[in-house]
Amino acid sequence: MGDTLYQIMGRHRAEPLPERKPSWLKVKAPGGANYSRLKHLMRELDLHTVCEEAHCPNVGECWEHGTATFMILGDVCTRNCGYCAVTHGRPPRYDLSEPGRVAAAIAQMRLQHAVITSVDRDDLPDFGAYIFAETIRQIHEQVPGCSVEVLVPDFQGNEESIRTVLEARPEIYNHNTETVPRLYKRARPGGRYERVMKIFRDAKTFAPDIPTKTGIILGLGETIEEVVAVMRDLRAVDVDILTLGQYLRPSNDHLPLDRYYTPEEFRQLARIGREMGFRHVEAGPLVRSSYHAWEQVQAAGVAAGTGNGERGTEAA
C-alpha cells in the first residue's frame, strides 16, 4: 500500500466540514412512475423497506430500476445505534404471514435478486431467525428464478439462529460490520466487534459454499489505518464481498459527521480491498449495503436463483 493512500486521504480531517454537501453526494429527488408503483405496492401489502426507513439516498434510483430491500419483522428496532434513522423502541408482535407477502411482492416486481433485512429483534427467543428462514423459503418457492440475499442482524451471536438462516440456503449471507472497533461503543452500543468476526467464522463453518458479505460506513471519526485493519480482519474470516459508503447524518440527534470522503479515496480503498482478495468491492460516497446488489452478485460470480448458494456466472 505504501504512503500513497495516506498522502491522498490524510489520516484525519484536515479542515472543517463544508457548509453544503459535496457535489458528488447530490441525488435526484425520488419520483417517477415506477417509484410511485412500488410505493403503492408496499403499502398495499403492508410491507416495509429499509430504503424508506433508513432514509437511503438511493431510493429514487433503485425503485425506478424495480429493486428494493425489504425490511421484515416490523419497523421498530430494539437497539439505538447512533448512526441509524430506523425507529427504536418496543416492537409490536411480528406477523407470521409476512414471508408470504414479501414473496408475493417480489413475484409482482419480477425480481431476479431480492435483498431481505430486518430491525434487531432482541425481544424474540430466536432473534427473528425463523422469519428470515421462512422468507427465504417462500421466495425460492414462489419465485424460482430469484436469488436471495439476507442482510441479517447479529442475533446476539447465537449460533442456532445463524444456522437456522443458513439452512434455508440464501445465495448471500450479509451482516454489516458498520465501523471500526474503537467506535463500536459510541456508534453501535448493542453490538460487539469480536462478535461480528465470530458470526462470519460460524457462517463459513455452517455453510462454506454460501458467500458472505459486509459493509462499512465511513466518516464517523475512524482513521484510514483503522479502516484497512478492519478490511484485513474481514478477509481473515473469509468475507467475500465488501461495501464501503459515506455516513450521512440522518438528523441532529444522530452522531456527528467527521469528514466527507472523496470519490478518489473510495477508489483507492476499493483497490486495496481487491488486492486483499475480496471477490468484489463496491465503494463510493452513495454506496449502501444493498446498492447495486444485483450487479454485486454477478461480479462475485454467484449463481442466480439456485436457492443453494452455488457459485456460477449467469447474467441477468
C-alpha atoms as a PDB file:
ATOM      1  CA  MET A   1       0.000   0.000   0.000  1.00  0.00           C
ATOM      2  CA  GLY A   2       2.922   2.366   0.737  1.00  0.00           C
ATOM      3  CA  ASP A   3       2.422   6.019   1.619  1.00  0.00           C
ATOM      4  CA  THR A   4       0.386   6.901  -1.479  1.00  0.00           C
ATOM      5  CA  LEU A   5      -3.002   6.249   0.085  1.00  0.00           C
ATOM      6  CA  TYR A   6      -2.184   8.210   3.223  1.00  0.00           C
ATOM      7  CA  GLN A   7      -0.944  11.124   1.116  1.00  0.00           C
ATOM      8  CA  ILE A   8      -4.196  11.117  -0.878  1.00  0.00           C
ATOM      9  CA  MET A   9      -6.563  10.561   2.032  1.00  0.00           C
ATOM     10  CA  GLY A  10      -4.891  12.031   5.074  1.00  0.00           C
ATOM     11  CA  ARG A  11      -5.111  10.404   8.477  1.00  0.00           C
ATOM     12  CA  HIS A  12      -7.727  12.707   9.993  1.00  0.00           C
ATOM     13  CA  ARG A  13      -9.980  15.519   8.854  1.00  0.00           C
ATOM     14  CA  ALA A  14      -7.654  18.326   7.843  1.00  0.00           C
ATOM     15  CA  GLU A  15     -10.194  21.155   7.717  1.00  0.00           C
ATOM     16  CA  PRO A  16     -13.730  21.959   8.920  1.00  0.00           C
ATOM     17  CA  LEU A  17     -16.644  20.358   7.113  1.00  0.00           C
ATOM     18  CA  PRO A  18     -18.089  22.436   4.268  1.00  0.00           C
ATOM     19  CA  GLU A  19     -21.450  24.063   4.922  1.00  0.00           C
ATOM     20  CA  ARG A  20     -23.001  22.198   1.994  1.00  0.00           C
ATOM     21  CA  LYS A  21     -22.675  18.600   0.908  1.00  0.00           C
ATOM     22  CA  PRO A  22     -20.088  17.996  -1.815  1.00  0.00           C
ATOM     23  CA  SER A  23     -21.412  17.799  -5.356  1.00  0.00           C
ATOM     24  CA  TRP A  24     -20.823  14.060  -5.565  1.00  0.00           C
ATOM     25  CA  LEU A  25     -23.441  13.490  -2.836  1.00  0.00           C
ATOM     26  CA  LYS A  26     -26.261  15.268  -4.630  1.00  0.00           C
ATOM     27  CA  VAL A  27     -29.008  12.936  -5.864  1.00  0.00           C
ATOM     28  CA  LYS A  28     -32.220  13.434  -7.770  1.00  0.00           C
ATOM     29  CA  ALA A  29     -35.379  13.601  -5.636  1.00  0.00           C
ATOM     30  CA  PRO A  30     -37.362  10.336  -5.809  1.00  0.00           C
ATOM     31  CA  GLY A  31     -40.249  10.243  -8.239  1.00  0.00           C
ATOM     32  CA  GLY A  32     -41.355   8.659 -11.475  1.00  0.00           C
ATOM     33  CA  ALA A  33     -43.956   6.075 -12.419  1.00  0.00           C
ATOM     34  CA  ASN A  34     -42.069   3.024 -11.161  1.00  0.00           C
ATOM     35  CA  TYR A  35     -41.260   4.689  -7.843  1.00  0.00           C
ATOM     36  CA  SER A  36     -44.931   5.507  -7.305  1.00  0.00           C
ATOM     37  CA  ARG A  37     -45.989   1.997  -8.311  1.00  0.00           C
ATOM     38  CA  LEU A  38     -43.607   0.337  -5.856  1.00  0.00           C
ATOM     39  CA  LYS A  39     -44.565   2.711  -3.049  1.00  0.00           C
ATOM     40  CA  HIS A  40     -48.212   1.829  -3.596  1.00  0.00           C
ATOM     41  CA  LEU A  41     -47.402  -1.897  -3.717  1.00  0.00           C
ATOM     42  CA  MET A  42     -45.511  -1.757  -0.408  1.00  0.00           C
ATOM     43  CA  ARG A  43     -48.404  -0.029   1.325  1.00  0.00           C
ATOM     44  CA  GLU A  44     -50.962  -2.348  -0.258  1.00  0.00           C
ATOM     45  CA  LEU A  45     -49.142  -5.436   1.061  1.00  0.00           C
ATOM     46  CA  ASP A  46     -48.315  -3.762   4.405  1.00  0.00           C
ATOM     47  CA  LEU A  47     -44.575  -4.165   3.880  1.00  0.00           C
ATOM     48  CA  HIS A  48     -41.605  -2.066   4.984  1.00  0.00           C
ATOM     49  CA  THR A  49     -38.402  -1.258   3.120  1.00  0.00           C
ATOM     50  CA  VAL A  50     -35.101  -0.161   4.580  1.00  0.00           C
ATOM     51  CA  CYS A  51     -34.927   2.196   1.599  1.00  0.00           C
ATOM     52  CA  GLU A  52     -37.616   4.320   3.272  1.00  0.00           C
ATOM     53  CA  GLU A  53     -36.990   3.627   6.953  1.00  0.00           C
ATOM     54  CA  ALA A  54     -33.258   4.412   6.793  1.00  0.00           C
ATOM     55  CA  HIS A  55     -33.717   7.453   4.502  1.00  0.00           C
ATOM     56  CA  CYS A  56     -31.476   5.896   1.855  1.00  0.00           C
ATOM     57  CA  PRO A  57     -30.277   8.478  -0.698  1.00  0.00           C
ATOM     58  CA  ASN A  58     -30.576   5.925  -3.500  1.00  0.00           C
ATOM     59  CA  VAL A  59     -34.267   5.142  -3.067  1.00  0.00           C
ATOM     60  CA  GLY A  60     -35.261   7.008  -6.229  1.00  0.00           C
ATOM     61  CA  GLU A  61     -32.658   5.321  -8.434  1.00  0.00           C
ATOM     62  CA  CYS A  62     -33.231   1.815  -7.065  1.00  0.00           C
ATOM     63  CA  TRP A  63     -37.013   1.951  -7.134  1.00  0.00           C
ATOM     64  CA  GLU A  64     -37.023   3.284 -10.676  1.00  0.00           C
ATOM     65  CA  HIS A  65     -34.963   0.210 -11.595  1.00  0.00           C
ATOM     66  CA  GLY A  66     -37.508  -2.038  -9.858  1.00  0.00           C
ATOM     67  CA  THR A  67     -35.292  -3.075  -6.930  1.00  0.00           C
ATOM     68  CA  ALA A  68     -35.919  -2.698  -3.199  1.00  0.00           C
ATOM     69  CA  THR A  69     -34.614  -4.003   0.104  1.00  0.00           C
ATOM     70  CA  PHE A  70     -37.445  -5.475   2.163  1.00  0.00           C
ATOM     71  CA  MET A  71     -37.375  -4.966   5.930  1.00  0.00           C
ATOM     72  CA  ILE A  72     -39.121  -7.766   7.785  1.00  0.00           C
ATOM     73  CA  LEU A  73     -40.076  -8.160  11.463  1.00  0.00           C
ATOM     74  CA  GLY A  74     -41.584  -4.690  11.716  1.00  0.00           C
ATOM     75  CA  ASP A  75     -40.133  -1.189  11.601  1.00  0.00           C
ATOM     76  CA  VAL A  76     -39.199  -0.695  15.271  1.00  0.00           C
ATOM     77  CA  CYS A  77     -35.701  -1.749  16.388  1.00  0.00           C
ATOM     78  CA  THR A  78     -34.746  -2.919  19.874  1.00  0.00           C
ATOM     79  CA  ARG A  79     -31.381  -1.139  19.613  1.00  0.00           C
ATOM     80  CA  ASN A  80     -30.446   2.503  19.264  1.00  0.00           C
ATOM     81  CA  CYS A  81     -27.355   2.798  17.071  1.00  0.00           C
ATOM     82  CA  GLY A  82     -26.043   6.338  16.865  1.00  0.00           C
ATOM     83  CA  TYR A  83     -25.891   6.473  13.051  1.00  0.00           C
ATOM     84  CA  CYS A  84     -29.219   4.816  12.184  1.00  0.00           C
ATOM     85  CA  ALA A  85     -32.500   6.519  11.234  1.00  0.00           C
ATOM     86  CA  VAL A  86     -34.726   3.498  11.940  1.00  0.00           C
ATOM     87  CA  THR A  87     -37.151   3.991  14.847  1.00  0.00           C
ATOM     88  CA  HIS A  88     -36.145   2.277  18.088  1.00  0.00           C
ATOM     89  CA  GLY A  89     -38.277   1.126  20.983  1.00  0.00           C
ATOM     90  CA  ARG A  90     -40.510  -1.836  21.807  1.00  0.00           C
ATOM     91  CA  PRO A  91     -41.528  -3.656  18.608  1.00  0.00           C
ATOM     92  CA  PRO A  92     -45.055  -4.969  18.040  1.00  0.00           C
ATOM     93  CA  ARG A  93     -45.790  -8.673  17.721  1.00  0.00           C
ATOM     94  CA  TYR A  94     -44.424  -9.966  14.433  1.00  0.00           C
ATOM     95  CA  ASP A  95     -46.609 -11.279  11.636  1.00  0.00           C
ATOM     96  CA  LEU A  96     -46.231 -14.932  10.645  1.00  0.00           C
ATOM     97  CA  SER A  97     -47.819 -14.208   7.253  1.00  0.00           C
ATOM     98  CA  GLU A  98     -45.159 -11.642   6.348  1.00  0.00           C
ATOM     99  CA  PRO A  99     -42.822 -14.053   4.476  1.00  0.00           C
ATOM    100  CA  GLY A 100     -45.605 -14.923   2.052  1.00  0.00           C
ATOM    101  CA  ARG A 101     -46.433 -11.266   1.424  1.00  0.00           C
ATOM    102  CA  VAL A 102     -42.786 -10.457   0.773  1.00  0.00           C
ATOM    103  CA  ALA A 103     -42.555 -13.307  -1.740  1.00  0.00           C
ATOM    104  CA  ALA A 104     -45.769 -12.121  -3.410  1.00  0.00           C
ATOM    105  CA  ALA A 105     -44.357  -8.620  -3.796  1.00  0.00           C
ATOM    106  CA  ILE A 106     -41.131  -9.971  -5.274  1.00  0.00           C
ATOM    107  CA  ALA A 107     -43.142 -12.038  -7.735  1.00  0.00           C
ATOM    108  CA  GLN A 108     -45.134  -8.968  -8.794  1.00  0.00           C
ATOM    109  CA  MET A 109     -41.916  -6.980  -9.198  1.00  0.00           C
ATOM    110  CA  ARG A 110     -40.347  -9.838 -11.216  1.00  0.00           C
ATOM    111  CA  LEU A 111     -37.083  -9.511  -9.319  1.00  0.00           C
ATOM    112  CA  GLN A 112     -34.090 -11.670 -10.141  1.00  0.00           C
ATOM    113  CA  HIS A 113     -32.321 -10.791  -6.890  1.00  0.00           C
ATOM    114  CA  ALA A 114     -34.036  -9.868  -3.631  1.00  0.00           C
ATOM    115  CA  VAL A 115     -32.469  -8.356  -0.512  1.00  0.00           C
ATOM    116  CA  ILE A 116     -34.126  -9.086   2.837  1.00  0.00           C
ATOM    117  CA  THR A 117     -33.116  -7.287   6.028  1.00  0.00           C
ATOM    118  CA  SER A 118     -34.681  -6.523   9.399  1.00  0.00           C
ATOM    119  CA  VAL A 119     -34.539  -4.465  12.528  1.00  0.00           C
ATOM    120  CA  ASP A 120     -32.860  -6.034  15.571  1.00  0.00           C
ATOM    121  CA  ARG A 121     -35.329  -8.180  17.484  1.00  0.00           C
ATOM    122  CA  ASP A 122     -33.556  -8.870  20.760  1.00  0.00           C
ATOM    123  CA  ASP A 123     -37.008  -9.413  22.279  1.00  0.00           C
ATOM    124  CA  LEU A 124     -37.521 -12.717  20.428  1.00  0.00           C
ATOM    125  CA  PRO A 125     -36.117 -16.073  21.592  1.00  0.00           C
ATOM    126  CA  ASP A 126     -34.524 -16.745  18.190  1.00  0.00           C
ATOM    127  CA  PHE A 127     -33.940 -13.027  17.426  1.00  0.00           C
ATOM    128  CA  GLY A 128     -36.090 -13.368  14.300  1.00  0.00           C
ATOM    129  CA  ALA A 129     -34.148 -16.161  12.593  1.00  0.00           C
ATOM    130  CA  TYR A 130     -37.233 -18.281  11.796  1.00  0.00           C
ATOM    131  CA  ILE A 131     -38.945 -15.449   9.904  1.00  0.00           C
ATOM    132  CA  PHE A 132     -35.763 -14.865   7.880  1.00  0.00           C
ATOM    133  CA  ALA A 133     -35.562 -18.568   7.014  1.00  0.00           C
ATOM    134  CA  GLU A 134     -39.241 -18.786   6.099  1.00  0.00           C
ATOM    135  CA  THR A 135     -38.950 -15.691   3.903  1.00  0.00           C
ATOM    136  CA  ILE A 136     -36.059 -17.279   2.010  1.00  0.00           C
ATOM    137  CA  ARG A 137     -38.044 -20.490   1.544  1.00  0.00           C
ATOM    138  CA  GLN A 138     -41.153 -18.649   0.374  1.00  0.00           C
ATOM    139  CA  ILE A 139     -39.210 -16.596  -2.187  1.00  0.00           C
ATOM    140  CA  HIS A 140     -37.449 -19.657  -3.596  1.00  0.00           C
ATOM    141  CA  GLU A 141     -40.789 -21.457  -3.827  1.00  0.00           C
ATOM    142  CA  GLN A 142     -42.847 -18.621  -5.332  1.00  0.00           C
ATOM    143  CA  VAL A 143     -40.115 -17.034  -7.496  1.00  0.00           C
ATOM    144  CA  PRO A 144     -37.757 -19.874  -8.517  1.00  0.00           C
ATOM    145  CA  GLY A 145     -35.578 -17.628 -10.692  1.00  0.00           C
ATOM    146  CA  CYS A 146     -34.831 -15.169  -7.891  1.00  0.00           C
ATOM    147  CA  SER A 147     -31.679 -15.288  -5.781  1.00  0.00           C
ATOM    148  CA  VAL A 148     -31.931 -14.133  -2.159  1.00  0.00           C
ATOM    149  CA  GLU A 149     -29.509 -12.026  -0.165  1.00  0.00           C
ATOM    150  CA  VAL A 150     -30.144 -11.681   3.549  1.00  0.00           C
ATOM    151  CA  LEU A 151     -28.764  -8.733   5.498  1.00  0.00           C
ATOM    152  CA  VAL A 152     -29.183 -10.083   8.995  1.00  0.00           C
ATOM    153  CA  PRO A 153     -28.746  -8.543  12.461  1.00  0.00           C
ATOM    154  CA  ASP A 154     -26.148 -10.130  14.738  1.00  0.00           C
ATOM    155  CA  PHE A 155     -28.669 -12.412  16.527  1.00  0.00           C
ATOM    156  CA  GLN A 156     -26.507 -11.672  19.591  1.00  0.00           C
ATOM    157  CA  GLY A 157     -24.062 -14.158  18.102  1.00  0.00           C
ATOM    158  CA  ASN A 158     -26.469 -17.062  18.667  1.00  0.00           C
ATOM    159  CA  GLU A 159     -25.146 -19.990  16.644  1.00  0.00           C
ATOM    160  CA  GLU A 160     -28.513 -21.716  16.339  1.00  0.00           C
ATOM    161  CA  SER A 161     -30.084 -18.591  14.822  1.00  0.00           C
ATOM    162  CA  ILE A 162     -27.235 -18.232  12.333  1.00  0.00           C
ATOM    163  CA  ARG A 163     -27.551 -21.896  11.403  1.00  0.00           C
ATOM    164  CA  THR A 164     -31.343 -21.606  11.010  1.00  0.00           C
ATOM    165  CA  VAL A 165     -30.985 -18.871   8.384  1.00  0.00           C
ATOM    166  CA  LEU A 166     -28.165 -20.606   6.515  1.00  0.00           C
ATOM    167  CA  GLU A 167     -30.070 -23.904   6.367  1.00  0.00           C
ATOM    168  CA  ALA A 168     -32.717 -22.081   4.306  1.00  0.00           C
ATOM    169  CA  ARG A 169     -29.941 -21.574   1.713  1.00  0.00           C
ATOM    170  CA  PRO A 170     -29.799 -17.872   0.867  1.00  0.00           C
ATOM    171  CA  GLU A 171     -27.499 -17.069  -2.033  1.00  0.00           C
ATOM    172  CA  ILE A 172     -25.639 -14.439   0.047  1.00  0.00           C
ATOM    173  CA  TYR A 173     -25.305 -14.078   3.843  1.00  0.00           C
ATOM    174  CA  ASN A 174     -24.711 -10.425   4.745  1.00  0.00           C
ATOM    175  CA  HIS A 175     -24.098  -8.768   8.104  1.00  0.00           C
ATOM    176  CA  ASN A 176     -22.775  -5.222   8.353  1.00  0.00           C
ATOM    177  CA  THR A 177     -19.619  -4.504  10.352  1.00  0.00           C
ATOM    178  CA  GLU A 178     -20.504  -0.765  10.200  1.00  0.00           C
ATOM    179  CA  THR A 179     -17.428   0.795  11.837  1.00  0.00           C
ATOM    180  CA  VAL A 180     -14.009   0.238  13.426  1.00  0.00           C
ATOM    181  CA  PRO A 181     -13.537  -1.371  16.872  1.00  0.00           C
ATOM    182  CA  ARG A 182     -12.648   1.909  18.632  1.00  0.00           C
ATOM    183  CA  LEU A 183     -16.007   3.460  17.699  1.00  0.00           C
ATOM    184  CA  TYR A 184     -18.260   0.491  18.493  1.00  0.00           C
ATOM    185  CA  LYS A 185     -19.228   1.557  21.998  1.00  0.00           C
ATOM    186  CA  ARG A 186     -20.271   5.004  20.780  1.00  0.00           C
ATOM    187  CA  ALA A 187     -21.804   4.108  17.418  1.00  0.00           C
ATOM    188  CA  ARG A 188     -23.167   0.602  17.963  1.00  0.00           C
ATOM    189  CA  PRO A 189     -23.666   0.132  21.715  1.00  0.00           C
ATOM    190  CA  GLY A 190     -25.623  -3.123  21.361  1.00  0.00           C
ATOM    191  CA  GLY A 191     -23.018  -4.704  19.106  1.00  0.00           C
ATOM    192  CA  ARG A 192     -19.563  -6.191  19.606  1.00  0.00           C
ATOM    193  CA  TYR A 193     -16.800  -6.115  17.007  1.00  0.00           C
ATOM    194  CA  GLU A 194     -15.453  -9.501  18.103  1.00  0.00           C
ATOM    195  CA  ARG A 195     -18.979 -10.920  17.753  1.00  0.00           C
ATOM    196  CA  VAL A 196     -19.117  -9.782  14.110  1.00  0.00           C
ATOM    197  CA  MET A 197     -15.931 -11.661  13.285  1.00  0.00           C
ATOM    198  CA  LYS A 198     -17.252 -14.782  15.019  1.00  0.00           C
ATOM    199  CA  ILE A 199     -20.501 -14.536  13.022  1.00  0.00           C
ATOM    200  CA  PHE A 200     -18.546 -14.787   9.792  1.00  0.00           C
ATOM    201  CA  ARG A 201     -16.393 -17.641  11.101  1.00  0.00           C
ATOM    202  CA  ASP A 202     -19.556 -19.504  12.110  1.00  0.00           C
ATOM    203  CA  ALA A 203     -21.217 -18.802   8.763  1.00  0.00           C
ATOM    204  CA  LYS A 204     -18.301 -20.312   6.866  1.00  0.00           C
ATOM    205  CA  THR A 205     -18.293 -23.300   9.212  1.00  0.00           C
ATOM    206  CA  PHE A 206     -22.026 -23.970   8.813  1.00  0.00           C
ATOM    207  CA  ALA A 207     -22.243 -23.238   5.064  1.00  0.00           C
ATOM    208  CA  PRO A 208     -18.798 -22.755   3.489  1.00  0.00           C
ATOM    209  CA  ASP A 209     -20.259 -22.539  -0.027  1.00  0.00           C
ATOM    210  CA  ILE A 210     -22.523 -19.542   0.696  1.00  0.00           C
ATOM    211  CA  PRO A 211     -20.747 -16.214   0.022  1.00  0.00           C
ATOM    212  CA  THR A 212     -20.550 -13.770   2.930  1.00  0.00           C
ATOM    213  CA  LYS A 213     -20.794 -10.024   2.657  1.00  0.00           C
ATOM    214  CA  THR A 214     -20.401  -6.970   4.894  1.00  0.00           C
ATOM    215  CA  GLY A 215     -20.459  -3.170   4.789  1.00  0.00           C
ATOM    216  CA  ILE A 216     -18.608  -0.319   6.496  1.00  0.00           C
ATOM    217  CA  ILE A 217     -19.779   3.300   6.717  1.00  0.00           C
ATOM    218  CA  LEU A 218     -17.044   5.948   6.666  1.00  0.00           C
ATOM    219  CA  GLY A 219     -16.998   9.393   8.232  1.00  0.00           C
ATOM    220  CA  LEU A 220     -17.696   8.643  11.896  1.00  0.00           C
ATOM    221  CA  GLY A 221     -14.178   9.569  13.055  1.00  0.00           C
ATOM    222  CA  GLU A 222     -12.202   6.496  12.053  1.00  0.00           C
ATOM    223  CA  THR A 223      -8.650   6.702  10.670  1.00  0.00           C
ATOM    224  CA  ILE A 224      -7.643   5.157   7.377  1.00  0.00           C
ATOM    225  CA  GLU A 225      -5.317   2.785   9.237  1.00  0.00           C
ATOM    226  CA  GLU A 226      -8.305   1.533  11.229  1.00  0.00           C
ATOM    227  CA  VAL A 227     -10.403   1.003   8.095  1.00  0.00           C
ATOM    228  CA  VAL A 228      -7.665  -1.005   6.395  1.00  0.00           C
ATOM    229  CA  ALA A 229      -7.151  -3.046   9.586  1.00  0.00           C
ATOM    230  CA  VAL A 230     -10.864  -3.950   9.623  1.00  0.00           C
ATOM    231  CA  MET A 231     -10.662  -4.956   5.977  1.00  0.00           C
ATOM    232  CA  ARG A 232      -7.779  -7.284   6.863  1.00  0.00           C
ATOM    233  CA  ASP A 233      -9.796  -8.769   9.726  1.00  0.00           C
ATOM    234  CA  LEU A 234     -12.699  -9.412   7.369  1.00  0.00           C
ATOM    235  CA  ARG A 235     -10.506 -11.204   4.876  1.00  0.00           C
ATOM    236  CA  ALA A 236      -9.059 -13.276   7.734  1.00  0.00           C
ATOM    237  CA  VAL A 237     -12.581 -14.670   8.337  1.00  0.00           C
ATOM    238  CA  ASP A 238     -13.068 -15.184   4.594  1.00  0.00           C
ATOM    239  CA  VAL A 239     -15.658 -12.488   3.862  1.00  0.00           C
ATOM    240  CA  ASP A 240     -16.247 -12.449   0.101  1.00  0.00           C
ATOM    241  CA  ILE A 241     -17.978  -9.127  -0.691  1.00  0.00           C
ATOM    242  CA  LEU A 242     -17.347  -5.697   0.853  1.00  0.00           C
ATOM    243  CA  THR A 243     -19.253  -2.416   0.531  1.00  0.00           C
ATOM    244  CA  LEU A 244     -17.871   0.961   1.628  1.00  0.00           C
ATOM    245  CA  GLY A 245     -20.032   4.086   1.754  1.00  0.00           C
ATOM    246  CA  GLN A 246     -20.219   7.591   3.199  1.00  0.00           C
ATOM    247  CA  TYR A 247     -22.007   8.205   6.504  1.00  0.00           C
ATOM    248  CA  LEU A 248     -24.694  10.865   6.154  1.00  0.00           C
ATOM    249  CA  ARG A 249     -26.123  12.168   9.430  1.00  0.00           C
ATOM    250  CA  PRO A 250     -29.894  11.490   9.481  1.00  0.00           C
ATOM    251  CA  SER A 251     -30.623  14.272  11.990  1.00  0.00           C
ATOM    252  CA  ASN A 252     -29.049  16.423  14.689  1.00  0.00           C
ATOM    253  CA  ASP A 253     -29.903  13.698  17.191  1.00  0.00           C
ATOM    254  CA  HIS A 254     -27.539  11.265  15.486  1.00  0.00           C
ATOM    255  CA  LEU A 255     -23.755  11.004  15.637  1.00  0.00           C
ATOM    256  CA  PRO A 256     -21.960  13.957  14.053  1.00  0.00           C
ATOM    257  CA  LEU A 257     -20.233  13.592  10.714  1.00  0.00           C
ATOM    258  CA  ASP A 258     -16.446  13.722  10.998  1.00  0.00           C
ATOM    259  CA  ARG A 259     -15.499  14.043   7.325  1.00  0.00           C
ATOM    260  CA  TYR A 260     -16.527  13.536   3.712  1.00  0.00           C
ATOM    261  CA  TYR A 261     -14.509  11.003   1.731  1.00  0.00           C
ATOM    262  CA  THR A 262     -13.887  11.844  -1.915  1.00  0.00           C
ATOM    263  CA  PRO A 263     -14.674   9.523  -4.837  1.00  0.00           C
ATOM    264  CA  GLU A 264     -10.922   9.091  -5.346  1.00  0.00           C
ATOM    265  CA  GLU A 265     -10.483   7.949  -1.745  1.00  0.00           C
ATOM    266  CA  PHE A 266     -13.200   5.352  -2.238  1.00  0.00           C
ATOM    267  CA  ARG A 267     -11.493   4.165  -5.427  1.00  0.00           C
ATOM    268  CA  GLN A 268      -8.229   3.735  -3.512  1.00  0.00           C
ATOM    269  CA  LEU A 269      -9.938   1.719  -0.786  1.00  0.00           C
ATOM    270  CA  ALA A 270     -11.645  -0.459  -3.407  1.00  0.00           C
ATOM    271  CA  ARG A 271      -8.259  -1.157  -4.979  1.00  0.00           C
ATOM    272  CA  ILE A 272      -6.813  -2.161  -1.611  1.00  0.00           C
ATOM    273  CA  GLY A 273      -9.784  -4.453  -0.999  1.00  0.00           C
ATOM    274  CA  ARG A 274      -9.351  -6.186  -4.333  1.00  0.00           C
ATOM    275  CA  GLU A 275      -5.645  -6.655  -3.626  1.00  0.00           C
ATOM    276  CA  MET A 276      -6.545  -8.231  -0.274  1.00  0.00           C
ATOM    277  CA  GLY A 277      -8.625 -10.831  -2.090  1.00  0.00           C
ATOM    278  CA  PHE A 278     -12.259  -9.758  -1.722  1.00  0.00           C
ATOM    279  CA  ARG A 279     -14.231 -11.259  -4.596  1.00  0.00           C
ATOM    280  CA  HIS A 280     -15.974  -7.923  -5.085  1.00  0.00           C
ATOM    281  CA  VAL A 281     -15.700  -4.448  -3.533  1.00  0.00           C
ATOM    282  CA  GLU A 282     -18.415  -1.822  -4.067  1.00  0.00           C
ATOM    283  CA  ALA A 283     -17.099   1.513  -2.803  1.00  0.00           C
ATOM    284  CA  GLY A 284     -18.375   5.059  -3.291  1.00  0.00           C
ATOM    285  CA  PRO A 285     -19.941   8.009  -1.486  1.00  0.00           C
ATOM    286  CA  LEU A 286     -23.518   6.826  -2.088  1.00  0.00           C
ATOM    287  CA  VAL A 287     -22.895   3.103  -1.716  1.00  0.00           C
ATOM    288  CA  ARG A 288     -25.068   1.278   0.806  1.00  0.00           C
ATOM    289  CA  SER A 289     -25.057  -2.416   1.628  1.00  0.00           C
ATOM    290  CA  SER A 290     -27.691  -3.314  -0.964  1.00  0.00           C
ATOM    291  CA  TYR A 291     -26.854  -0.624  -3.546  1.00  0.00           C
ATOM    292  CA  HIS A 292     -26.329  -2.286  -6.935  1.00  0.00           C
ATOM    293  CA  ALA A 293     -26.825  -5.611  -5.139  1.00  0.00           C
ATOM    294  CA  TRP A 294     -27.667  -7.488  -8.352  1.00  0.00           C
ATOM    295  CA  GLU A 295     -24.505  -6.203 -10.024  1.00  0.00           C
ATOM    296  CA  GLN A 296     -22.525  -7.357  -6.961  1.00  0.00           C
ATOM    297  CA  VAL A 297     -23.986 -10.824  -7.311  1.00  0.00           C
ATOM    298  CA  GLN A 298     -22.848 -11.044 -10.908  1.00  0.00           C
ATOM    299  CA  ALA A 299     -19.411  -9.587 -10.177  1.00  0.00           C
ATOM    300  CA  ALA A 300     -18.860 -12.072  -7.354  1.00  0.00           C
ATOM    301  CA  GLY A 301     -19.930 -14.984  -9.553  1.00  0.00           C
ATOM    302  CA  VAL A 302     -22.962 -16.123  -7.542  1.00  0.00           C
ATOM    303  CA  ALA A 303     -25.492 -18.209  -9.426  1.00  0.00           C
ATOM    304  CA  ALA A 304     -28.908 -16.562  -9.586  1.00  0.00           C
ATOM    305  CA  GLY A 305     -31.983 -18.314  -8.314  1.00  0.00           C
ATOM    306  CA  THR A 306     -30.386 -21.633  -7.387  1.00  0.00           C
ATOM    307  CA  GLY A 307     -31.541 -21.425  -3.784  1.00  0.00           C
ATOM    308  CA  ASN A 308     -28.418 -23.278  -2.678  1.00  0.00           C
ATOM    309  CA  GLY A 309     -25.630 -20.726  -2.654  1.00  0.00           C
ATOM    310  CA  GLU A 310     -23.797 -22.244  -5.623  1.00  0.00           C
ATOM    311  CA  ARG A 311     -21.174 -20.286  -7.456  1.00  0.00           C
ATOM    312  CA  GLY A 312     -21.854 -19.500 -11.096  1.00  0.00           C
ATOM    313  CA  THR A 313     -21.644 -16.990 -13.913  1.00  0.00           C
ATOM    314  CA  GLU A 314     -25.236 -16.463 -15.010  1.00  0.00           C
ATOM    315  CA  ALA A 315     -26.150 -12.956 -16.077  1.00  0.00           C
ATOM    316  CA  ALA A 316     -29.452 -11.184 -15.515  1.00  0.00           C
END
